Protein backbone atom coordinates (compact mmCIF):
# COMPACT_ATOMS: atom_id res chain seq x y z
CA MET A 1 -36.49 5.50 -26.23
CA ASP A 2 -36.35 9.31 -26.51
CA GLN A 3 -33.98 11.37 -24.67
CA SER A 4 -36.30 12.64 -22.07
CA ALA A 5 -37.61 9.13 -21.51
CA ALA A 6 -34.06 7.92 -21.24
CA MET A 7 -33.42 10.67 -18.66
CA ARG A 8 -36.25 9.60 -16.53
CA THR A 9 -35.10 6.10 -16.65
CA GLN A 10 -31.53 7.00 -15.59
CA ALA A 11 -32.82 9.15 -12.83
CA SER A 12 -35.42 6.67 -11.41
CA ASP A 13 -33.17 3.64 -11.73
CA PRO A 14 -29.65 4.29 -13.24
CA ALA A 15 -28.57 0.60 -12.47
CA ALA A 16 -31.32 -0.86 -14.67
CA ALA A 17 -30.52 1.57 -17.54
CA ARG A 18 -26.77 0.82 -18.03
CA PRO A 19 -26.46 2.71 -21.20
CA TRP A 20 -22.75 1.90 -21.47
CA LEU A 21 -23.44 -1.81 -22.42
CA ALA A 22 -24.20 -0.65 -26.01
CA SER A 23 -20.68 0.79 -26.08
CA TYR A 24 -18.82 -2.48 -25.07
CA PRO A 25 -16.59 -4.08 -27.32
CA PRO A 26 -18.42 -7.13 -28.82
CA ASP A 27 -16.66 -9.97 -26.80
CA VAL A 28 -17.04 -8.31 -23.32
CA PRO A 29 -19.87 -9.82 -21.30
CA GLU A 30 -22.21 -7.64 -19.26
CA GLU A 31 -21.50 -9.63 -16.18
CA ILE A 32 -18.50 -11.90 -15.00
CA ASP A 33 -19.26 -15.12 -13.30
CA LEU A 34 -18.53 -14.41 -9.72
CA SER A 35 -19.07 -17.96 -8.79
CA SER A 36 -15.95 -18.98 -10.67
CA VAL A 37 -13.78 -16.31 -9.23
CA GLY A 38 -11.23 -17.83 -6.69
CA THR A 39 -8.57 -16.23 -4.62
CA LEU A 40 -5.53 -14.34 -5.62
CA VAL A 41 -3.48 -17.37 -4.58
CA ASP A 42 -5.41 -19.47 -7.18
CA PHE A 43 -4.66 -16.98 -9.78
CA PHE A 44 -0.99 -16.94 -9.22
CA ASN A 45 -0.70 -20.54 -9.09
CA GLU A 46 -2.60 -20.68 -12.43
CA SER A 47 -0.24 -18.26 -14.00
CA VAL A 48 2.68 -20.37 -12.86
CA SER A 49 1.22 -23.45 -14.29
CA ARG A 50 0.31 -21.87 -17.69
CA TYR A 51 3.60 -19.86 -18.13
CA PRO A 52 6.49 -21.43 -15.97
CA GLU A 53 9.30 -20.51 -18.28
CA ARG A 54 8.04 -17.08 -19.29
CA PRO A 55 9.79 -14.08 -17.57
CA ALA A 56 7.62 -12.69 -14.69
CA LEU A 57 9.68 -9.90 -13.38
CA GLU A 58 12.59 -7.83 -14.44
CA SER A 59 14.93 -5.42 -12.36
CA PHE A 60 18.14 -3.86 -13.18
CA GLY A 61 18.52 -6.06 -16.32
CA LYS A 62 17.90 -9.48 -14.46
CA ARG A 63 14.77 -11.55 -15.17
CA MET A 64 12.91 -14.13 -13.02
CA SER A 65 10.64 -16.62 -14.66
CA TYR A 66 7.27 -17.57 -13.35
CA GLY A 67 8.55 -20.74 -12.06
CA GLU A 68 11.49 -19.14 -10.15
CA LEU A 69 9.11 -16.77 -8.72
CA ALA A 70 7.01 -19.51 -7.32
CA ALA A 71 9.92 -21.29 -5.70
CA HIS A 72 10.74 -17.91 -3.91
CA VAL A 73 6.91 -17.47 -3.15
CA GLY A 74 7.04 -20.80 -1.29
CA ALA A 75 10.19 -19.91 0.67
CA VAL A 76 8.58 -16.70 1.94
CA ALA A 77 5.36 -18.38 2.84
CA SER A 78 7.15 -21.14 4.72
CA TRP A 79 9.27 -18.71 6.67
CA LEU A 80 6.25 -16.65 7.55
CA GLN A 81 4.49 -19.96 8.67
CA ALA A 82 7.58 -20.67 10.91
CA GLN A 83 7.02 -17.45 12.73
CA GLY A 84 3.34 -18.51 13.61
CA ILE A 85 1.72 -16.15 10.75
CA GLY A 86 -1.48 -17.59 9.36
CA ARG A 87 -5.07 -16.62 8.22
CA GLY A 88 -5.94 -13.15 9.02
CA ASP A 89 -2.49 -11.95 10.24
CA ARG A 90 -1.29 -8.75 8.92
CA VAL A 91 2.08 -8.43 7.34
CA ALA A 92 3.49 -5.13 5.96
CA ILE A 93 5.51 -4.42 2.94
CA MET A 94 7.57 -1.21 2.76
CA LEU A 95 9.37 -1.32 -0.53
CA PRO A 96 9.85 0.43 -3.93
CA ASN A 97 9.63 -1.71 -7.15
CA VAL A 98 12.54 -3.95 -6.45
CA ILE A 99 12.28 -7.69 -7.49
CA ALA A 100 11.87 -9.05 -3.98
CA TYR A 101 8.38 -7.28 -3.82
CA GLY A 102 6.91 -10.21 -6.02
CA PRO A 103 8.05 -13.06 -3.70
CA ILE A 104 7.07 -11.21 -0.53
CA LEU A 105 3.62 -10.12 -2.02
CA PHE A 106 2.66 -13.61 -3.13
CA GLY A 107 4.30 -15.30 -0.24
CA ILE A 108 2.24 -13.44 2.30
CA LEU A 109 -1.02 -14.19 0.37
CA ALA A 110 -0.07 -17.87 0.10
CA ALA A 111 0.37 -18.05 3.75
CA GLY A 112 -3.09 -16.98 4.20
CA ALA A 113 -2.01 -13.49 5.71
CA THR A 114 -3.25 -9.91 4.70
CA VAL A 115 -0.86 -7.61 3.05
CA VAL A 116 -0.47 -4.11 4.40
CA ASN A 117 1.22 -1.84 1.72
CA VAL A 118 3.16 0.92 3.16
CA ASN A 119 4.74 3.90 1.33
CA PRO A 120 8.55 3.64 1.71
CA LEU A 121 8.70 7.45 1.98
CA TYR A 122 6.39 7.73 5.13
CA THR A 123 7.61 9.73 7.95
CA PRO A 124 8.18 7.85 11.42
CA ARG A 125 4.71 9.32 12.44
CA GLU A 126 3.00 8.13 9.39
CA LEU A 127 4.54 4.65 9.57
CA THR A 128 3.63 4.31 13.26
CA PHE A 129 0.01 5.24 12.68
CA GLN A 130 -0.39 2.84 9.91
CA LEU A 131 1.28 -0.14 11.26
CA ARG A 132 -0.40 0.29 14.80
CA ASP A 133 -3.76 0.69 13.01
CA ALA A 134 -3.36 -2.33 10.93
CA GLY A 135 -2.04 -4.40 13.86
CA ALA A 136 1.05 -5.63 11.67
CA ARG A 137 3.12 -8.37 13.20
CA ILE A 138 6.02 -8.42 10.71
CA LEU A 139 7.45 -5.77 8.44
CA PHE A 140 9.60 -6.21 5.21
CA VAL A 141 11.39 -3.05 4.46
CA LEU A 142 14.14 -1.80 2.36
CA GLU A 143 17.20 -1.12 4.21
CA ASN A 144 17.34 2.48 2.81
CA PHE A 145 14.48 3.13 5.07
CA GLY A 146 15.57 1.27 7.99
CA ARG A 147 16.25 4.55 9.88
CA THR A 148 12.57 5.53 9.64
CA VAL A 149 11.61 2.01 11.24
CA GLU A 150 14.12 2.57 13.97
CA VAL A 151 12.69 5.86 15.04
CA SER A 152 9.16 4.23 15.01
CA ARG A 153 9.99 0.83 16.51
CA PRO A 154 9.49 1.64 20.14
CA GLU A 155 5.77 2.65 19.65
CA LEU A 156 5.28 -0.55 17.51
CA SER A 157 4.55 -4.17 18.18
CA LEU A 158 6.43 -5.72 15.46
CA GLU A 159 7.46 -9.44 16.21
CA ARG A 160 9.97 -9.36 13.13
CA ILE A 161 11.58 -7.05 10.82
CA VAL A 162 13.08 -8.25 7.50
CA LEU A 163 15.74 -6.11 5.81
CA VAL A 164 15.50 -6.27 1.97
CA LYS A 165 18.44 -5.10 -0.21
CA PRO A 166 17.68 -3.64 -3.71
CA GLY A 167 19.63 -6.33 -5.36
CA ASP A 168 18.28 -9.26 -3.39
CA LEU A 169 17.64 -12.34 -5.79
CA LEU A 170 19.61 -10.89 -8.52
CA GLY A 171 22.88 -12.86 -7.98
CA LEU A 172 26.18 -11.53 -8.40
CA LYS A 173 24.73 -8.30 -10.12
CA GLY A 174 22.64 -7.86 -7.19
CA SER A 175 25.56 -7.87 -4.87
CA VAL A 176 27.35 -5.01 -7.17
CA ILE A 177 23.82 -3.21 -6.80
CA ASN A 178 23.71 -3.25 -3.14
CA LEU A 179 27.39 -2.00 -2.70
CA VAL A 180 26.63 0.82 -5.05
CA SER A 181 23.46 1.71 -3.25
CA ARG A 182 25.21 1.58 0.20
CA TYR A 183 28.62 3.14 -0.65
CA VAL A 184 28.54 4.85 -3.77
CA LYS A 185 24.97 6.39 -3.68
CA LYS A 186 25.12 6.51 0.06
CA ALA A 187 21.35 5.69 -0.01
CA VAL A 188 21.24 3.80 3.28
CA PRO A 189 21.43 6.35 6.15
CA PRO A 190 22.85 4.66 9.29
CA PHE A 191 20.39 2.91 11.55
CA ARG A 192 20.34 0.03 14.11
CA LEU A 193 17.48 -2.59 14.21
CA ASP A 194 18.50 -5.31 16.84
CA GLY A 195 17.18 -8.76 15.71
CA ALA A 196 16.18 -7.87 12.30
CA VAL A 197 16.29 -10.73 9.75
CA SER A 198 17.89 -10.37 6.26
CA PHE A 199 15.70 -11.32 3.41
CA ALA A 200 18.40 -13.54 2.13
CA GLU A 201 17.98 -15.55 5.42
CA VAL A 202 14.23 -15.78 4.81
CA ILE A 203 14.77 -17.20 1.51
CA ARG A 204 17.54 -19.58 2.76
CA THR A 205 15.62 -21.04 5.62
CA GLY A 206 12.11 -20.90 3.87
CA THR A 207 13.71 -22.94 1.00
CA ALA A 208 14.72 -25.73 3.40
CA ARG A 209 11.14 -26.91 3.85
CA PRO A 210 7.95 -26.41 1.65
CA PRO A 211 5.13 -24.39 3.15
CA LYS A 212 1.99 -26.05 4.66
CA PRO A 213 -1.21 -25.86 2.58
CA VAL A 214 -3.56 -23.00 3.78
CA GLU A 215 -7.23 -22.83 2.95
CA VAL A 216 -7.69 -19.32 1.77
CA THR A 217 -11.23 -18.35 0.89
CA PRO A 218 -12.70 -15.55 -1.29
CA GLU A 219 -13.88 -13.72 1.73
CA ASP A 220 -10.47 -13.62 3.47
CA VAL A 221 -9.06 -10.09 3.60
CA ALA A 222 -6.16 -9.85 1.05
CA PHE A 223 -5.03 -6.19 1.55
CA LEU A 224 -5.48 -3.40 3.85
CA GLN A 225 -5.00 -0.53 1.51
CA TYR A 226 -4.54 2.60 3.30
CA THR A 227 -6.03 5.82 1.89
CA GLY A 228 -7.21 9.31 2.66
CA GLY A 229 -10.49 8.21 1.34
CA THR A 230 -13.20 10.61 0.76
CA THR A 231 -13.12 12.17 4.16
CA GLY A 232 -9.62 12.95 4.54
CA THR A 233 -8.29 10.72 7.57
CA ALA A 234 -6.06 7.74 6.88
CA LYS A 235 -8.10 4.56 6.74
CA GLY A 236 -7.40 1.12 5.69
CA ALA A 237 -9.74 -0.13 2.86
CA THR A 238 -10.36 -3.68 3.62
CA LEU A 239 -10.18 -5.64 0.32
CA THR A 240 -11.09 -9.27 0.20
CA HIS A 241 -9.63 -11.69 -2.30
CA ARG A 242 -13.03 -11.74 -3.90
CA ASN A 243 -13.01 -7.89 -4.24
CA VAL A 244 -9.46 -7.95 -5.88
CA ALA A 245 -9.90 -11.06 -7.96
CA ALA A 246 -13.13 -9.83 -9.31
CA ASN A 247 -11.48 -6.55 -10.45
CA VAL A 248 -8.71 -8.52 -11.99
CA VAL A 249 -11.17 -10.61 -13.97
CA GLN A 250 -13.20 -7.36 -14.88
CA CYS A 251 -10.03 -5.94 -16.31
CA GLU A 252 -8.72 -9.30 -17.96
CA VAL A 253 -11.77 -9.55 -19.94
CA TRP A 254 -11.59 -5.90 -21.07
CA MET A 255 -7.82 -6.37 -21.95
CA ARG A 256 -8.22 -9.47 -23.81
CA SER A 257 -10.99 -7.81 -25.87
CA GLY A 258 -8.31 -5.41 -27.13
CA GLY A 259 -5.96 -8.20 -28.16
CA LEU A 260 -3.73 -8.30 -25.26
CA GLY A 261 -2.54 -11.50 -23.50
CA ARG A 262 -1.89 -13.29 -26.70
CA ASN A 263 1.83 -12.90 -26.61
CA ALA A 264 4.39 -12.43 -23.97
CA GLU A 265 3.91 -8.70 -23.18
CA ILE A 266 6.64 -6.57 -21.42
CA ALA A 267 4.79 -4.22 -19.23
CA VAL A 268 6.64 -1.09 -17.94
CA THR A 269 5.90 -0.90 -14.28
CA ALA A 270 6.98 2.45 -13.03
CA LEU A 271 4.16 3.22 -10.54
CA PRO A 272 4.96 1.98 -7.05
CA LEU A 273 3.40 -1.60 -6.25
CA TYR A 274 2.34 -0.46 -2.88
CA HIS A 275 -0.24 1.91 -4.65
CA ILE A 276 -3.53 0.42 -5.65
CA PHE A 277 -3.42 1.21 -9.33
CA ALA A 278 -0.10 -0.37 -9.80
CA LEU A 279 -0.80 -3.27 -7.47
CA THR A 280 -3.94 -4.43 -9.49
CA ALA A 281 -3.53 -2.87 -12.90
CA CYS A 282 0.17 -3.23 -13.32
CA CYS A 283 0.90 -6.41 -11.15
CA LEU A 284 -2.07 -8.74 -10.78
CA VAL A 285 -3.76 -8.13 -14.06
CA MET A 286 -0.52 -8.26 -15.97
CA MET A 287 0.51 -11.47 -14.33
CA ARG A 288 -2.82 -13.05 -15.11
CA LEU A 289 -2.03 -12.20 -18.68
CA GLY A 290 1.42 -13.76 -18.43
CA SER A 291 3.25 -10.64 -18.90
CA CYS A 292 6.80 -9.64 -17.61
CA LEU A 293 6.80 -6.58 -15.37
CA LEU A 294 9.83 -4.20 -16.10
CA LEU A 295 10.18 -2.94 -12.66
CA ILE A 296 11.27 0.75 -12.27
CA ALA A 297 12.70 1.19 -8.73
CA ASN A 298 12.80 4.98 -8.84
CA PRO A 299 10.73 6.62 -11.66
CA ARG A 300 11.64 10.06 -10.35
CA ASP A 301 15.41 9.39 -11.72
CA LEU A 302 14.14 10.20 -15.27
CA LYS A 303 17.63 9.90 -16.63
CA SER A 304 17.89 6.39 -15.50
CA PHE A 305 14.19 5.53 -16.28
CA VAL A 306 14.68 6.59 -20.02
CA LYS A 307 17.94 4.57 -20.15
CA THR A 308 16.08 1.50 -19.07
CA LEU A 309 13.51 2.04 -21.61
CA LYS A 310 16.00 2.26 -24.28
CA THR A 311 17.36 -1.36 -23.32
CA ARG A 312 14.53 -3.07 -25.26
CA PRO A 313 11.22 -2.68 -26.87
CA PHE A 314 8.15 -2.75 -24.53
CA THR A 315 4.43 -3.39 -25.37
CA MET A 316 2.48 -1.84 -22.38
CA MET A 317 2.88 1.14 -19.95
CA SER A 318 1.06 2.57 -17.12
CA GLY A 319 1.35 5.91 -15.71
CA VAL A 320 -0.15 9.14 -14.29
CA ASN A 321 -0.50 12.51 -16.01
CA THR A 322 2.71 13.81 -14.45
CA LEU A 323 4.79 10.77 -15.39
CA TYR A 324 3.64 10.99 -19.03
CA ASN A 325 4.37 14.75 -19.05
CA ALA A 326 7.73 14.49 -17.61
CA LEU A 327 8.75 11.45 -20.14
CA ALA A 328 7.34 13.45 -23.02
CA ARG A 329 9.59 16.55 -22.24
CA HIS A 330 12.61 14.58 -21.51
CA PRO A 331 15.61 15.45 -23.98
CA GLU A 332 16.60 11.75 -24.54
CA ILE A 333 13.13 10.24 -24.80
CA ARG A 334 13.07 10.24 -28.73
CA GLY A 335 15.85 7.52 -28.43
CA VAL A 336 13.45 5.01 -27.04
CA ASP A 337 11.96 2.45 -29.46
CA PHE A 338 8.20 2.78 -29.11
CA SER A 339 7.56 0.53 -32.38
CA LYS A 340 6.06 -2.33 -30.12
CA LEU A 341 3.96 -0.38 -27.79
CA VAL A 342 0.28 -1.36 -27.97
CA PHE A 343 -1.26 -0.05 -24.84
CA CYS A 344 -0.82 2.98 -22.59
CA VAL A 345 -3.28 3.37 -19.69
CA SER A 346 -3.30 6.40 -17.33
CA GLY A 347 -5.27 6.65 -13.95
CA GLY A 348 -4.69 8.16 -10.38
CA MET A 349 -5.37 11.82 -11.52
CA ALA A 350 -6.96 13.71 -14.43
CA THR A 351 -4.97 13.38 -17.62
CA GLN A 352 -4.48 16.62 -19.31
CA ALA A 353 -5.40 16.91 -22.84
CA ALA A 354 -2.11 18.61 -23.82
CA VAL A 355 -0.11 15.77 -22.16
CA ALA A 356 -2.16 13.14 -23.99
CA LYS A 357 -1.45 14.95 -27.32
CA ALA A 358 2.20 15.24 -26.71
CA TRP A 359 2.43 11.37 -25.66
CA LYS A 360 0.26 10.44 -28.92
CA GLU A 361 2.75 12.48 -31.17
CA LEU A 362 5.83 10.86 -29.56
CA THR A 363 4.75 7.28 -29.54
CA GLY A 364 1.94 7.05 -32.01
CA ARG A 365 -0.41 5.45 -29.35
CA PRO A 366 -3.20 7.20 -27.40
CA ILE A 367 -3.40 7.05 -23.66
CA VAL A 368 -6.38 5.12 -22.45
CA GLU A 369 -7.61 6.64 -19.18
CA GLY A 370 -9.41 4.80 -16.52
CA TYR A 371 -10.82 5.57 -13.19
CA GLY A 372 -10.75 3.90 -9.67
CA LEU A 373 -10.05 4.18 -6.00
CA SER A 374 -8.46 2.08 -3.31
CA GLU A 375 -12.05 1.42 -2.08
CA THR A 376 -12.72 -0.20 -5.34
CA SER A 377 -9.84 -2.49 -5.80
CA PRO A 378 -9.24 0.09 -7.90
CA VAL A 379 -10.92 -0.15 -11.42
CA VAL A 380 -14.35 1.04 -12.01
CA THR A 381 -14.34 2.33 -15.60
CA VAL A 382 -11.86 2.32 -18.55
CA ASN A 383 -12.01 3.53 -22.15
CA ARG A 384 -12.13 1.02 -24.98
CA LEU A 385 -8.58 -0.16 -26.05
CA ASP A 386 -9.17 0.70 -29.82
CA ILE A 387 -9.87 4.34 -29.36
CA PRO A 388 -7.89 6.10 -32.12
CA GLU A 389 -7.30 9.37 -29.93
CA PHE A 390 -7.61 10.37 -26.33
CA THR A 391 -11.16 10.86 -25.19
CA GLY A 392 -11.18 12.90 -22.08
CA THR A 393 -13.27 10.66 -20.60
CA ILE A 394 -12.70 7.83 -17.97
CA GLY A 395 -14.65 5.46 -20.31
CA TYR A 396 -17.36 2.76 -19.46
CA PRO A 397 -18.04 0.85 -16.26
CA LEU A 398 -16.55 -2.63 -16.20
CA PRO A 399 -18.73 -5.67 -16.36
CA SER A 400 -20.84 -6.28 -13.23
CA THR A 401 -20.31 -2.60 -12.37
CA ASP A 402 -23.20 -0.17 -11.72
CA ILE A 403 -22.81 3.52 -11.50
CA SER A 404 -25.12 6.35 -10.55
CA ILE A 405 -24.80 10.00 -10.67
CA ARG A 406 -26.35 11.54 -7.56
CA ASP A 407 -27.15 14.90 -5.95
CA MET A 408 -26.21 15.98 -2.54
CA ALA A 409 -29.41 14.33 -1.00
CA GLY A 410 -28.29 10.98 -2.69
CA GLN A 411 -30.99 11.17 -5.43
CA PRO A 412 -30.24 10.06 -9.00
CA LEU A 413 -29.67 12.85 -11.46
CA PRO A 414 -30.72 12.89 -15.02
CA MET A 415 -28.27 12.03 -17.87
CA GLY A 416 -25.88 14.86 -18.63
CA GLU A 417 -26.12 16.55 -15.15
CA PRO A 418 -23.06 16.71 -12.92
CA GLY A 419 -23.26 15.00 -9.52
CA GLU A 420 -21.49 12.78 -7.26
CA LEU A 421 -20.22 9.50 -8.99
CA CYS A 422 -21.45 6.47 -7.04
CA VAL A 423 -20.38 2.83 -7.79
CA ARG A 424 -21.55 -0.60 -6.93
CA GLY A 425 -20.03 -3.83 -7.93
CA PRO A 426 -18.06 -6.93 -6.43
CA GLN A 427 -14.69 -4.80 -6.59
CA VAL A 428 -16.06 -2.47 -3.91
CA MET A 429 -14.45 -2.95 -0.41
CA LYS A 430 -15.87 -4.67 2.40
CA GLY A 431 -15.50 -1.44 4.47
CA TYR A 432 -12.74 0.55 6.32
CA TRP A 433 -10.78 -1.37 8.78
CA ASN A 434 -12.26 -1.14 12.35
CA ARG A 435 -13.97 2.13 11.21
CA PRO A 436 -17.67 1.30 10.89
CA ASP A 437 -18.54 4.95 11.33
CA GLU A 438 -16.29 6.07 8.30
CA THR A 439 -17.78 3.16 6.23
CA ALA A 440 -21.43 4.38 6.82
CA LYS A 441 -20.36 7.88 5.63
CA VAL A 442 -19.46 6.46 2.30
CA MET A 443 -22.06 3.98 1.52
CA THR A 444 -25.65 4.53 0.38
CA GLU A 445 -28.69 2.65 1.75
CA ASP A 446 -28.86 0.83 -1.68
CA GLY A 447 -25.27 -0.35 -1.81
CA PHE A 448 -23.52 2.32 -3.66
CA PHE A 449 -20.01 3.66 -2.67
CA ARG A 450 -19.71 7.44 -2.71
CA THR A 451 -16.57 8.44 -4.40
CA GLY A 452 -16.49 12.23 -3.77
CA ASP A 453 -15.90 12.83 -7.42
CA VAL A 454 -18.12 14.99 -9.56
CA ALA A 455 -19.02 13.31 -12.81
CA VAL A 456 -21.26 13.62 -15.68
CA MET A 457 -22.64 10.49 -17.84
CA GLN A 458 -22.71 10.99 -21.57
CA PRO A 459 -25.50 9.43 -23.66
CA ASP A 460 -23.36 6.45 -24.61
CA GLY A 461 -22.64 5.67 -21.02
CA ALA A 462 -19.04 7.15 -21.16
CA VAL A 463 -18.37 8.95 -17.88
CA ARG A 464 -16.35 12.25 -17.75
CA ILE A 465 -14.97 13.30 -14.39
CA VAL A 466 -15.41 16.97 -13.50
CA ASP A 467 -13.31 17.34 -10.24
CA ARG A 468 -13.18 16.35 -6.63
CA MET A 469 -16.32 17.56 -4.82
CA LYS A 470 -14.04 19.00 -1.97
CA ASP A 471 -11.74 20.92 -4.53
CA MET A 472 -14.36 22.85 -6.28
CA VAL A 473 -14.12 26.56 -6.10
CA LEU A 474 -17.14 28.81 -5.55
CA VAL A 475 -16.93 32.29 -7.16
CA SER A 476 -19.71 34.49 -6.38
CA GLY A 477 -22.06 31.37 -6.47
CA PHE A 478 -20.74 29.92 -9.57
CA ASN A 479 -18.95 26.42 -9.58
CA VAL A 480 -15.46 26.40 -10.73
CA TYR A 481 -13.75 22.88 -11.21
CA PRO A 482 -9.86 23.20 -11.13
CA ASN A 483 -9.54 20.26 -13.43
CA GLU A 484 -11.16 22.45 -16.28
CA VAL A 485 -8.81 25.37 -15.49
CA GLU A 486 -5.83 23.30 -15.22
CA ASP A 487 -6.46 21.52 -18.47
CA VAL A 488 -6.65 25.05 -20.37
CA ILE A 489 -3.54 26.26 -18.73
CA ALA A 490 -1.62 22.99 -19.42
CA GLY A 491 -2.31 23.67 -23.08
CA HIS A 492 -0.01 26.69 -23.04
CA PRO A 493 3.25 25.70 -24.66
CA GLY A 494 5.20 27.68 -21.97
CA VAL A 495 3.67 25.68 -19.12
CA ALA A 496 5.12 22.40 -17.70
CA GLU A 497 2.76 21.80 -14.82
CA VAL A 498 0.02 23.67 -13.02
CA ALA A 499 -2.33 23.31 -10.10
CA VAL A 500 -5.41 25.38 -9.54
CA ILE A 501 -7.04 26.02 -6.09
CA GLY A 502 -9.47 28.52 -4.59
CA LEU A 503 -8.55 31.34 -2.25
CA PRO A 504 -10.64 33.32 0.13
CA ASP A 505 -12.22 36.76 -1.13
CA GLU A 506 -14.22 39.23 0.61
CA ARG A 507 -16.23 40.04 -2.47
CA SER A 508 -16.80 36.73 -4.26
CA GLY A 509 -16.33 34.26 -1.36
CA GLU A 510 -13.32 32.66 -3.33
CA VAL A 511 -11.23 33.38 -6.30
CA VAL A 512 -9.29 30.99 -8.82
CA ALA A 513 -5.63 30.96 -8.27
CA ALA A 514 -3.11 29.13 -10.46
CA TYR A 515 0.27 27.77 -9.38
CA VAL A 516 2.43 27.21 -12.50
CA VAL A 517 5.87 25.42 -13.21
CA LYS A 518 7.29 27.00 -16.37
CA ALA A 519 8.62 25.15 -19.48
CA ASP A 520 9.36 28.60 -20.96
CA PRO A 521 11.50 30.81 -18.56
CA ASP A 522 10.25 33.86 -20.17
CA LEU A 523 6.49 33.11 -19.38
CA THR A 524 4.51 35.91 -17.69
CA GLU A 525 1.48 36.21 -15.67
CA PRO A 526 -0.38 38.45 -18.05
CA GLU A 527 0.26 35.67 -20.68
CA ILE A 528 -1.32 33.04 -18.52
CA ARG A 529 -4.39 35.29 -17.94
CA GLU A 530 -4.88 36.33 -21.58
CA TRP A 531 -4.41 32.57 -22.55
CA CYS A 532 -7.39 31.86 -20.12
CA ARG A 533 -9.52 34.86 -20.97
CA GLU A 534 -9.61 33.48 -24.57
CA ARG A 535 -10.73 30.05 -23.41
CA LEU A 536 -12.62 30.45 -20.18
CA THR A 537 -15.73 32.27 -18.83
CA GLY A 538 -14.47 35.48 -16.87
CA TYR A 539 -15.11 34.07 -13.23
CA LYS A 540 -12.99 30.97 -14.14
CA VAL A 541 -10.00 33.05 -15.22
CA PRO A 542 -7.31 33.02 -12.37
CA ARG A 543 -7.00 36.13 -10.33
CA HIS A 544 -3.87 34.99 -8.76
CA VAL A 545 -1.04 33.48 -10.78
CA GLU A 546 2.28 32.26 -9.13
CA PHE A 547 5.24 30.61 -10.61
CA ARG A 548 6.94 27.86 -8.79
CA GLU A 549 9.88 25.47 -9.08
CA SER A 550 7.72 22.47 -8.28
CA LEU A 551 4.29 21.38 -7.00
CA PRO A 552 3.68 19.14 -4.16
CA LYS A 553 3.02 15.63 -5.21
CA THR A 554 2.45 12.05 -3.88
CA ASN A 555 5.09 9.51 -4.64
CA VAL A 556 2.99 8.36 -7.52
CA GLY A 557 3.13 11.84 -9.19
CA LYS A 558 -0.51 13.08 -8.13
CA VAL A 559 -0.44 16.80 -7.31
CA LEU A 560 -1.69 17.39 -3.87
CA ARG A 561 -3.93 20.34 -4.00
CA ARG A 562 -4.74 19.90 -0.37
CA VAL A 563 -1.03 20.51 0.62
CA LEU A 564 -0.73 23.33 -1.87
CA LYS A 565 -3.67 25.13 -0.17
CA GLU A 566 -2.20 24.41 3.46
CA GLU A 567 1.35 25.91 2.15
CA VAL A 568 -0.32 29.01 0.73
CA ALA A 569 -2.50 29.53 3.86
CA HIS A 570 0.47 29.11 6.05
CA ALA A 571 2.47 31.68 3.96
CA GLU A 572 -0.35 34.17 4.31
CA GLY A 573 -0.76 33.56 7.94
CA ARG A 574 -4.22 32.22 7.86
CA PRO A 575 -5.88 28.81 8.79
CA GLY A 576 -5.49 26.16 5.94
């Protein structure tokens, strides 16, 4: 088929064209067998049966085997059932990556309930909104964040609050960790939550009796995963067991094609498990492969993080651009043994070429970039694991996944033209929780989810993200994509981090503005502009350059352009 014919086929029926299939690894199927995909409870039980003695979780130097994890999961499920929790009830988890997360996560699912993941750094306002919207009946929360819950409690209908300590389930060492957290680091602000139950009590009472069998079906809701989505307001993406389990299988066949899962892998798990990327890609997929999750409770504490990495060789790692960048620049990182590292995956935000290059030089391994959203469980595309170098693309759609690049009217575009990336597959959410109006906005008539991201498909089917549609800057009628400008500026050796936004301008409508964190204290604005002029068309060169000590980020490390725009607008006395 010639190129023009291929373009016509892609435009008329992108799902049928599927040019990416020719680029698949030889042992990856075009489709997964959806009829054989069970529930996440099934998956967990299968992993326990296959790997009972293997370490499943590691935290603060202590390990928990799959068999030990299963016993704690049964205790949590039994306790929840004693509270009257069953199929369809919502139970919230407000924890960082401590070892208790695993038993609580799988215990909720085993009881037939739905997990509501909560960011521990939420303000009382944010916490109140999410728990009320989800209708959560029980909350598991790290005691460090008890004060937030105390402030929110009068407006909530929680039946039970369970207080978790960072050292729970870690034996004598855990007691020391708890004392240090409370009295040395003073990480537990004073709070009062009358009637709260300790997690230790949950385990003690739950262990006294086995949980009752619960018939969990693939159509039951496994997670309410809250996200700003493509329209800005917080909504719960309703993810069924089938959605997430299908995504686990899609990722599993891709990972096994690259040789992973043959050995007892150690997966560095620094991204918070309440985030969908870590939840599926770092936890559920890794445990499906029988891996041990090396849990990092506070990845922002880079000194402690690097110290943990030095304790033993590890084989896999997941992260976002800012995390890889920070680690590669850390003065003690070269003391880490990367000899066993076989796989590094990045998602959540665009990975900059300069960061990928620095990471490859440090570790000898390229960053394998993927793409996904909360609404897609999350993985949609991923690069092949055998790439020798960072590709700059988000890779190929997973098996049983269709993608379509469409214009503003929803019509498919020819190959190579930028448009909105739309996704269809078993991993796409059931809809937004109790928000049929918002669900209708993001679904096409033929069943594709509209991501809000601008993308281009290459002839081999690989997809390149251009930028978020809402972040695009319009300069005198020309489209400027912040990702491109950020990638160029990040390549300057004097730049540590950068974010690009558009500012209003009377003459051109908008101008490009760059906000830079220095790696070289002597870096100047003229140097940034000259660097850009040599590499970008004139209208893409930042008219405004400002140096900052830091950039606003999510707890995962994703730069928040929207917050940056609001801060700048507020400083200038205009609406955001």
